[in-house]
């Protein structure tokens, strides 16, 4: 897609502006909450790696266990109503956590239970938002819209990490939680401003009720891509567990340093997502293999050199590669998947991308209690490097079946 001289999409399209503002508020608040809880766990438990792993697992199982009902729910309901309901549900749960902290009733069981509930709403919200994007902006603006959506997530998540790290000392854990609750409420208000081109939900025909798995059977390369990224996430996602321990044990730093380092990932993601429309590649899979290799090298480097600036640069590079990769493949999926299957596809995509999370968080959490964090980073980097060969092999495979334009997403 050629670069444009027009104003950014978020400035000229009110739907994109509403999506951007709602996303950045709710996801920034959630990240502030997560970093506050993570630092609370690191400071107050004897096995922080294992406990952080359990906390992360509590937020991953829903998208895997309930992929079929979630996908059918999204395909049978209006996207706008589901987005607003999910935000309001998260507000109610997080506000309840805030009340528990205010009354000194908070403990690890309640933290885990609230994580399960919030993640349940997120398991509906995230694929619904992917589906709604095609209903919110013109097809000609889709890749730019995906770039903005991805940059919004990175901006919110890692900008929220910085804000959370700075606010922990001033507001305390309870104060940060209440900010998160308020952010969900404001996000719901922004979502009500959306004007989508969706039609009223209709009963699905027998063919439409076919599972997303059956649909993926007709798109074998896309299925292999999703499985490959799910395996990559086994090594990539545990950085959320390892990084707080790296800062505390190896660098002997504070929560503020943790926030700055996570901001490095955000800046990289932001740079990668905004630069993606200018990145040209003859084959999306070949580009994906390069991006995955860069992520592996970047995460492995802090295992060899333990310095905060090295870690910051490595996280920035990993984030940049991830940002480019996300935009290119999401544009491909939006173009390839039939509209009537998008709800089920994005729900299944979320499940496939996160199926390794529970085992990854637990295994790497326990490894972080037994090994020094730099050694864990080295294991992560080597694992991702090996998996880059999977995408390279796919890019060099036989000609794709008809109807599966896997390289079409490359611009």
Protein backbone atom coordinates (compact mmCIF):
# COMPACT_ATOMS: atom_id res chain seq x y z
CA UNK A 1 0.00 0.00 0.00
CA UNK A 2 1.54 3.30 -1.01
CA UNK A 3 2.02 6.02 1.59
CA UNK A 4 -0.64 8.72 1.62
CA UNK A 5 -0.41 12.47 1.97
CA UNK A 6 -3.89 12.75 3.50
CA UNK A 7 -4.36 13.36 7.25
CA UNK A 8 -4.15 10.24 9.45
CA UNK A 9 -7.28 8.09 9.43
CA UNK A 10 -7.91 8.73 13.12
CA UNK A 11 -8.30 12.45 12.33
CA UNK A 12 -10.59 12.16 9.31
CA UNK A 13 -12.86 9.26 10.36
CA UNK A 14 -15.03 9.62 13.48
CA UNK A 15 -15.42 5.85 13.81
CA UNK A 16 -11.66 5.36 13.91
CA UNK A 17 -11.38 8.20 16.41
CA UNK A 18 -13.96 6.56 18.69
CA UNK A 19 -12.24 3.17 18.43
CA UNK A 20 -8.84 4.76 19.10
CA UNK A 21 -9.95 6.75 22.14
CA UNK A 22 -11.96 3.92 23.69
CA UNK A 23 -9.19 1.39 23.18
CA UNK A 24 -6.44 3.58 24.53
CA UNK A 25 -8.38 4.41 27.69
CA UNK A 26 -9.50 0.89 28.59
CA UNK A 27 -6.29 -0.91 27.61
CA UNK A 28 -4.02 1.66 29.26
CA UNK A 29 -6.03 1.29 32.45
CA UNK A 30 -5.79 -2.50 32.28
CA UNK A 31 -2.01 -2.37 31.81
CA UNK A 32 -1.68 0.00 34.78
CA UNK A 33 -3.64 -2.52 36.82
CA UNK A 34 -1.51 -5.45 35.66
CA UNK A 35 1.81 -3.78 36.41
CA UNK A 36 0.58 -2.72 39.85
CA UNK A 37 -0.50 -6.28 40.67
CA UNK A 38 2.73 -7.70 39.21
CA UNK A 39 4.87 -5.43 41.38
CA UNK A 40 2.69 -6.27 44.40
CA UNK A 41 3.30 -9.98 43.75
CA UNK A 42 7.06 -9.55 43.26
CA UNK A 43 7.35 -7.57 46.50
CA UNK A 44 5.08 -9.71 48.64
CA UNK A 45 5.47 -13.41 47.75
CA UNK A 46 8.18 -16.01 48.23
CA UNK A 47 7.77 -17.55 44.76
CA UNK A 48 7.02 -14.53 42.56
CA UNK A 49 7.72 -16.30 39.28
CA UNK A 50 5.19 -19.05 39.94
CA UNK A 51 2.63 -16.59 41.33
CA UNK A 52 3.00 -14.24 38.37
CA UNK A 53 2.60 -17.24 36.10
CA UNK A 54 -0.69 -18.16 37.78
CA UNK A 55 -1.88 -14.55 37.51
CA UNK A 56 -1.16 -14.57 33.77
CA UNK A 57 -2.80 -17.98 33.29
CA UNK A 58 -5.98 -16.62 34.89
CA UNK A 59 -6.24 -14.23 31.94
CA UNK A 60 -5.65 -16.70 29.11
CA UNK A 61 -7.86 -19.77 29.44
CA UNK A 62 -11.17 -18.19 28.41
CA UNK A 63 -10.22 -17.49 24.80
CA UNK A 64 -9.08 -21.12 24.47
CA UNK A 65 -11.84 -22.98 26.32
CA UNK A 66 -14.81 -21.02 24.96
CA UNK A 67 -13.66 -20.30 21.40
CA UNK A 68 -16.72 -21.89 19.73
CA UNK A 69 -19.48 -20.17 21.76
CA UNK A 70 -17.59 -16.86 21.65
CA UNK A 71 -17.23 -17.04 17.87
CA UNK A 72 -20.91 -17.84 17.36
CA UNK A 73 -21.95 -15.12 19.78
CA UNK A 74 -19.93 -12.55 17.84
CA UNK A 75 -21.35 -13.66 14.49
CA UNK A 76 -24.94 -13.56 15.76
CA UNK A 77 -24.94 -10.23 17.65
CA UNK A 78 -24.30 -6.62 16.74
CA UNK A 79 -20.65 -5.73 17.31
CA UNK A 80 -21.42 -2.39 18.93
CA UNK A 81 -23.65 -3.88 21.63
CA UNK A 82 -21.06 -6.56 22.46
CA UNK A 83 -18.27 -3.99 22.74
CA UNK A 84 -20.27 -1.79 25.11
CA UNK A 85 -21.41 -4.76 27.21
CA UNK A 86 -17.84 -6.05 27.52
CA UNK A 87 -16.56 -2.66 28.71
CA UNK A 88 -19.36 -2.35 31.27
CA UNK A 89 -18.72 -5.89 32.52
CA UNK A 90 -15.03 -5.10 33.03
CA UNK A 91 -15.96 -1.89 34.85
CA UNK A 92 -18.15 -3.83 37.30
CA UNK A 93 -15.45 -6.44 38.02
CA UNK A 94 -12.57 -3.98 38.46
CA UNK A 95 -14.69 -1.66 40.61
CA UNK A 96 -15.41 -4.66 42.83
CA UNK A 97 -11.66 -5.28 43.15
CA UNK A 98 -11.17 -1.64 44.10
CA UNK A 99 -13.80 -1.95 46.84
CA UNK A 100 -12.09 -5.08 48.14
CA UNK A 101 -8.77 -3.23 48.38
CA UNK A 102 -10.41 -0.28 50.11
CA UNK A 103 -11.81 -2.61 52.77
CA UNK A 104 -8.63 -4.70 53.17
CA UNK A 105 -10.32 -7.79 51.75
CA UNK A 106 -7.95 -8.32 48.84
CA UNK A 107 -5.86 -11.46 48.45
CA UNK A 108 -4.45 -13.69 45.75
CA UNK A 109 -7.66 -15.77 45.28
CA UNK A 110 -9.69 -12.63 44.55
CA UNK A 111 -6.94 -11.31 42.24
CA UNK A 112 -7.05 -14.56 40.26
CA UNK A 113 -10.86 -14.65 40.18
CA UNK A 114 -11.09 -11.08 38.91
CA UNK A 115 -8.48 -11.89 36.28
CA UNK A 116 -10.62 -14.77 35.05
CA UNK A 117 -13.71 -12.54 34.74
CA UNK A 118 -11.97 -9.60 33.06
CA UNK A 119 -10.27 -11.95 30.61
CA UNK A 120 -13.64 -13.51 29.83
CA UNK A 121 -14.99 -10.14 28.74
CA UNK A 122 -11.76 -9.44 26.83
CA UNK A 123 -12.12 -12.76 25.01
CA UNK A 124 -15.35 -11.37 23.56
CA UNK A 125 -14.17 -7.77 23.13
CA UNK A 126 -10.96 -8.37 21.17
CA UNK A 127 -12.29 -10.52 18.28
CA UNK A 128 -15.45 -8.37 18.17
CA UNK A 129 -13.28 -5.30 17.66
CA UNK A 130 -11.42 -7.03 14.82
CA UNK A 131 -14.75 -7.86 13.18
CA UNK A 132 -16.10 -4.34 13.77
CA UNK A 133 -13.11 -2.73 12.10
CA UNK A 134 -14.31 -3.92 8.69
CA UNK A 135 -17.73 -2.40 9.45
CA UNK A 136 -16.31 0.89 10.72
CA UNK A 137 -13.98 2.03 7.92
CA UNK A 138 -13.96 1.78 4.09
CA UNK A 139 -12.14 -1.19 2.57
CA UNK A 140 -9.58 1.14 0.97
CA UNK A 141 -8.50 2.31 4.43
CA UNK A 142 -8.31 -1.16 6.00
CA UNK A 143 -4.53 -1.55 6.27
CA UNK A 144 -4.20 1.94 7.71
CA UNK A 145 -7.03 1.16 10.14
CA UNK A 146 -5.28 -2.05 11.23
CA UNK A 147 -2.06 -0.09 11.75
CA UNK A 148 -3.89 2.42 13.94
CA UNK A 149 -5.65 -0.32 15.88
CA UNK A 150 -2.38 -2.14 16.49
CA UNK A 151 -0.60 1.08 17.43
CA UNK A 152 -3.47 1.88 19.78
CA UNK A 153 -2.99 -1.42 21.57
CA UNK A 154 0.75 -0.89 21.91
CA UNK A 155 0.33 2.75 22.90
CA UNK A 156 -2.26 1.85 25.50
CA UNK A 157 -0.60 -1.25 26.89
CA UNK A 158 2.90 0.01 27.31
CA UNK A 159 2.04 3.66 27.87
CA UNK A 160 -0.20 2.34 30.64
CA UNK A 161 2.76 0.41 32.03
CA UNK A 162 4.74 3.63 32.35
CA UNK A 163 1.83 5.46 33.96
CA UNK A 164 1.15 2.55 36.31
CA UNK A 165 4.78 2.38 37.41
CA UNK A 166 4.81 6.10 38.16
CA UNK A 167 1.43 6.09 39.91
CA UNK A 168 1.97 3.08 42.19
CA UNK A 169 3.95 5.10 44.71
CA UNK A 170 1.57 8.06 44.58
CA UNK A 171 -1.85 6.41 44.47
CA UNK A 172 -1.14 2.90 45.72
CA UNK A 173 -2.45 -0.28 44.17
CA UNK A 174 -6.08 0.57 44.99
CA UNK A 175 -5.84 3.97 43.32
CA UNK A 176 -4.48 2.46 40.12
CA UNK A 177 -7.30 -0.11 40.15
CA UNK A 178 -9.92 2.62 40.44
CA UNK A 179 -8.35 4.42 37.47
CA UNK A 180 -8.69 1.21 35.49
CA UNK A 181 -12.38 0.94 36.44
CA UNK A 182 -13.01 4.52 35.32
CA UNK A 183 -11.20 3.89 32.02
CA UNK A 184 -13.58 1.03 31.16
CA UNK A 185 -16.57 3.28 31.83
CA UNK A 186 -15.25 6.04 29.57
CA UNK A 187 -14.35 3.48 26.89
CA UNK A 188 -17.95 2.22 26.87
CA UNK A 189 -19.10 5.80 26.31
CA UNK A 190 -16.73 6.19 23.36
CA UNK A 191 -17.93 2.94 21.81
CA UNK A 192 -21.54 4.15 21.84
CA UNK A 193 -20.46 6.81 19.32
CA UNK A 194 -19.59 4.20 16.67
CA UNK A 195 -21.65 4.02 13.49
CA UNK A 196 -21.18 0.60 11.94
CA UNK A 197 -22.46 -0.74 8.62
CA UNK A 198 -23.54 -4.01 10.21
CA UNK A 199 -26.90 -5.57 9.44
CA UNK A 200 -29.26 -7.05 11.98
CA UNK A 201 -28.23 -10.50 13.15
CA UNK A 202 -29.92 -13.33 11.24
CA UNK A 203 -30.07 -17.05 11.95
CA UNK A 204 -27.12 -18.74 10.28
CA UNK A 205 -27.66 -21.27 7.52
CA UNK A 206 -26.27 -24.76 7.98
CA UNK A 207 -23.13 -23.92 5.98
CA UNK A 208 -22.64 -20.68 7.96
CA UNK A 209 -22.80 -22.67 11.18
CA UNK A 210 -19.76 -24.68 10.12
CA UNK A 211 -17.00 -24.32 12.63
CA UNK A 212 -14.04 -22.06 12.04
CA UNK A 213 -11.89 -25.19 12.16
CA UNK A 214 -13.67 -26.49 9.04
CA UNK A 215 -13.16 -23.13 7.39
CA UNK A 216 -9.44 -23.28 8.21
CA UNK A 217 -9.27 -26.74 6.65
CA UNK A 218 -9.88 -24.93 3.34
CA UNK A 219 -7.09 -22.46 4.21
CA UNK A 220 -4.27 -24.79 5.34
CA UNK A 221 -1.50 -22.22 5.04
CA UNK A 222 -3.34 -19.76 7.24
CA UNK A 223 -3.92 -22.55 9.77
CA UNK A 224 -0.20 -23.32 9.81
CA UNK A 225 0.58 -19.62 10.19
CA UNK A 226 -1.70 -19.32 13.22
CA UNK A 227 -0.27 -22.45 14.83
CA UNK A 228 3.24 -21.13 14.19
CA UNK A 229 2.47 -17.84 15.90
CA UNK A 230 0.85 -19.70 18.78
CA UNK A 231 4.08 -21.67 19.28
CA UNK A 232 6.12 -18.48 18.96
CA UNK A 233 4.03 -16.93 21.72
CA UNK A 234 5.05 -19.82 24.00
CA UNK A 235 8.47 -18.20 24.14
CA UNK A 236 7.48 -14.57 23.53
CA UNK A 237 4.58 -13.98 25.93
CA UNK A 238 6.44 -14.98 29.16
CA UNK A 239 8.46 -11.76 28.90
CA UNK A 240 5.56 -10.31 30.94
CA UNK A 241 6.58 -12.70 33.75
CA UNK A 242 10.34 -12.52 33.27
CA UNK A 243 10.75 -8.76 32.89
CA UNK A 244 9.64 -7.75 36.43
CA UNK A 245 12.02 -10.37 37.84
CA UNK A 246 14.84 -9.24 35.54
CA UNK A 247 14.40 -5.67 36.80
CA UNK A 248 14.16 -6.66 40.46
CA UNK A 249 16.81 -9.40 40.67
CA UNK A 250 19.31 -8.69 37.89
CA UNK A 251 19.20 -4.93 37.49
CA UNK A 252 18.12 -4.23 41.11
CA UNK A 253 15.81 -1.55 39.75
CA UNK A 254 12.49 -0.03 40.75
CA UNK A 255 8.96 -0.15 39.36
CA UNK A 256 9.78 3.05 37.47
CA UNK A 257 12.58 1.25 35.60
CA UNK A 258 10.17 -1.58 34.79
CA UNK A 259 7.78 0.97 33.34
CA UNK A 260 10.50 2.57 31.20
CA UNK A 261 11.59 -0.80 29.84
CA UNK A 262 8.04 -1.79 28.96
CA UNK A 263 7.72 1.59 27.27
CA UNK A 264 10.58 0.46 25.03
CA UNK A 265 8.42 -2.39 23.79
CA UNK A 266 5.56 0.09 23.24
CA UNK A 267 7.74 2.48 21.27
CA UNK A 268 8.93 -0.41 19.11
CA UNK A 269 5.40 -1.66 18.51
CA UNK A 270 4.26 1.85 17.67
CA UNK A 271 7.16 2.34 15.25
CA UNK A 272 6.54 -1.04 13.61
CA UNK A 273 2.80 -0.63 13.19
CA UNK A 274 3.06 2.89 11.77
CA UNK A 275 5.89 1.88 9.42
CA UNK A 276 4.18 -1.30 8.21
CA UNK A 277 2.28 0.31 5.27
CA UNK A 278 5.67 1.42 3.91
CA UNK A 279 7.24 -2.04 4.25
CA UNK A 280 7.17 -3.89 0.94
CA UNK A 281 7.59 -7.65 0.64
CA UNK A 282 6.98 -10.08 -2.20
CA UNK A 283 5.78 -12.74 0.25
CA UNK A 284 4.10 -12.15 3.59
CA UNK A 285 5.44 -15.42 5.02
CA UNK A 286 9.04 -14.56 4.16
CA UNK A 287 8.59 -11.19 5.86
CA UNK A 288 7.09 -12.99 8.86
CA UNK A 289 10.11 -15.28 9.16
CA UNK A 290 12.42 -12.25 9.23
CA UNK A 291 10.29 -10.52 11.87
CA UNK A 292 10.24 -13.64 14.08
CA UNK A 293 14.02 -14.04 13.73
CA UNK A 294 14.54 -10.41 14.80
CA UNK A 295 12.33 -11.00 17.84
CA UNK A 296 14.37 -14.08 18.77
CA UNK A 297 17.70 -12.29 18.46
CA UNK A 298 16.39 -9.31 20.42
CA UNK A 299 15.08 -11.36 23.34
CA UNK A 300 18.21 -13.50 23.48
CA UNK A 301 20.60 -10.53 23.67
CA UNK A 302 19.72 -9.56 27.29
CA UNK A 303 20.62 -13.13 28.22
CA UNK A 304 24.21 -12.40 27.17
CA UNK A 305 24.58 -8.72 28.18
CA UNK A 306 22.88 -7.59 31.40
CA UNK A 307 22.51 -3.83 31.16
CA UNK A 308 19.38 -1.71 31.29
CA UNK A 309 20.19 0.12 28.04
CA UNK A 310 20.87 -3.13 26.21
CA UNK A 311 17.58 -4.51 27.49
CA UNK A 312 15.76 -1.33 26.43
CA UNK A 313 17.23 -1.47 22.90
CA UNK A 314 16.45 -5.19 22.60
CA UNK A 315 12.83 -4.69 23.67
CA UNK A 316 12.46 -1.83 21.19
CA UNK A 317 13.75 -3.98 18.32
CA UNK A 318 11.52 -6.90 19.30
CA UNK A 319 8.51 -4.59 19.48
CA UNK A 320 9.25 -3.07 16.07
CA UNK A 321 9.45 -6.48 14.41
CA UNK A 322 6.25 -7.57 16.15
CA UNK A 323 4.43 -4.40 15.05
CA UNK A 324 5.29 -4.85 11.37
CA UNK A 325 4.38 -8.53 11.55
CA UNK A 326 1.01 -7.92 13.21
CA UNK A 327 -0.18 -5.33 10.69
CA UNK A 328 0.80 -7.36 7.63
CA UNK A 329 -0.82 -10.56 8.81
CA UNK A 330 -3.96 -8.88 10.14
CA UNK A 331 -4.41 -7.15 6.77
CA UNK A 332 -4.02 -10.55 5.12
CA UNK A 333 -6.66 -12.14 7.38
CA UNK A 334 -9.14 -9.27 6.84
CA UNK A 335 -8.75 -9.72 3.07
CA UNK A 336 -8.84 -13.51 2.99
CA UNK A 337 -11.56 -14.54 5.47
CA UNK A 338 -15.20 -14.33 4.25
CA UNK A 339 -17.28 -11.75 6.12
CA UNK A 340 -19.79 -14.29 7.46
CA UNK A 341 -16.99 -16.21 9.18
CA UNK A 342 -15.00 -13.32 10.61
CA UNK A 343 -16.41 -13.52 14.12
CA UNK A 344 -15.61 -17.21 14.42
CA UNK A 345 -12.27 -16.80 12.66
CA UNK A 346 -11.02 -14.03 14.94
CA UNK A 347 -12.23 -15.90 18.03
CA UNK A 348 -10.36 -18.99 16.81
CA UNK A 349 -7.35 -16.86 15.89
CA UNK A 350 -7.26 -15.52 19.43
CA UNK A 351 -7.43 -19.07 20.80
CA UNK A 352 -4.68 -20.37 18.50
CA UNK A 353 -2.41 -17.42 19.26
CA UNK A 354 -2.85 -17.93 22.99
CA UNK A 355 -3.22 -21.73 23.30
CA UNK A 356 0.34 -21.96 24.64
CA UNK A 357 -0.05 -19.17 27.20
CA UNK A 358 -1.09 -21.26 30.24
CA UNK A 359 1.80 -23.71 29.91
CA UNK A 360 4.20 -20.92 28.93
CA UNK A 361 3.41 -18.71 31.90
CA UNK A 362 3.62 -21.60 34.37
CA UNK A 363 6.77 -23.15 32.91
CA UNK A 364 8.67 -19.91 32.51
CA UNK A 365 7.41 -18.68 35.87
CA UNK A 366 8.89 -21.76 37.54
CA UNK A 367 12.08 -21.42 35.47
CA UNK A 368 12.41 -17.84 36.66
CA UNK A 369 12.30 -19.06 40.28
CA UNK A 370 15.07 -21.60 39.55
CA UNK A 371 17.30 -19.78 37.03
CA UNK A 372 18.63 -16.27 36.77
CA UNK A 373 16.38 -14.09 34.53
CA UNK A 374 19.10 -13.58 31.86
CA UNK A 375 19.28 -17.35 31.35
CA UNK A 376 15.51 -17.47 30.93
CA UNK A 377 15.74 -14.69 28.31
CA UNK A 378 18.33 -16.73 26.43
CA UNK A 379 15.99 -19.73 26.36
CA UNK A 380 13.20 -17.51 25.03
CA UNK A 381 15.35 -16.06 22.28
CA UNK A 382 16.66 -19.42 21.10
CA UNK A 383 13.16 -20.89 21.00
CA UNK A 384 11.83 -18.02 18.86
CA UNK A 385 14.83 -18.23 16.51
CA UNK A 386 14.12 -21.92 15.88
CA UNK A 387 10.47 -21.14 15.08
CA UNK A 388 11.43 -18.51 12.50
CA UNK A 389 12.47 -21.47 10.33
CA UNK A 390 8.84 -22.66 10.36
CA UNK A 391 7.68 -19.51 8.55
CA UNK A 392 10.63 -19.63 6.17
CA UNK A 393 9.69 -23.21 5.27
CA UNK A 394 6.07 -22.20 4.66
CA UNK A 395 7.18 -19.34 2.41
CA UNK A 396 9.16 -21.78 0.27
CA UNK A 397 6.43 -24.42 0.12
CA UNK A 398 4.40 -25.59 -2.89
CA UNK A 399 2.03 -23.28 -4.68
CA UNK A 400 -0.96 -22.35 -2.55
CA UNK A 401 -4.38 -23.84 -3.22
CA UNK A 402 -6.83 -21.78 -5.24
CA UNK A 403 -8.77 -19.35 -3.12
CA UNK A 404 -5.98 -18.89 -0.60
CA UNK A 405 -4.17 -15.65 -1.56
CA UNK A 406 -1.59 -15.87 1.21
CA UNK A 407 0.89 -13.49 -0.41
CA UNK A 408 -1.80 -11.03 -1.38
CA UNK A 409 -1.52 -9.19 1.91
CA UNK A 410 2.01 -8.08 1.12
CA UNK A 411 2.23 -4.70 -0.43
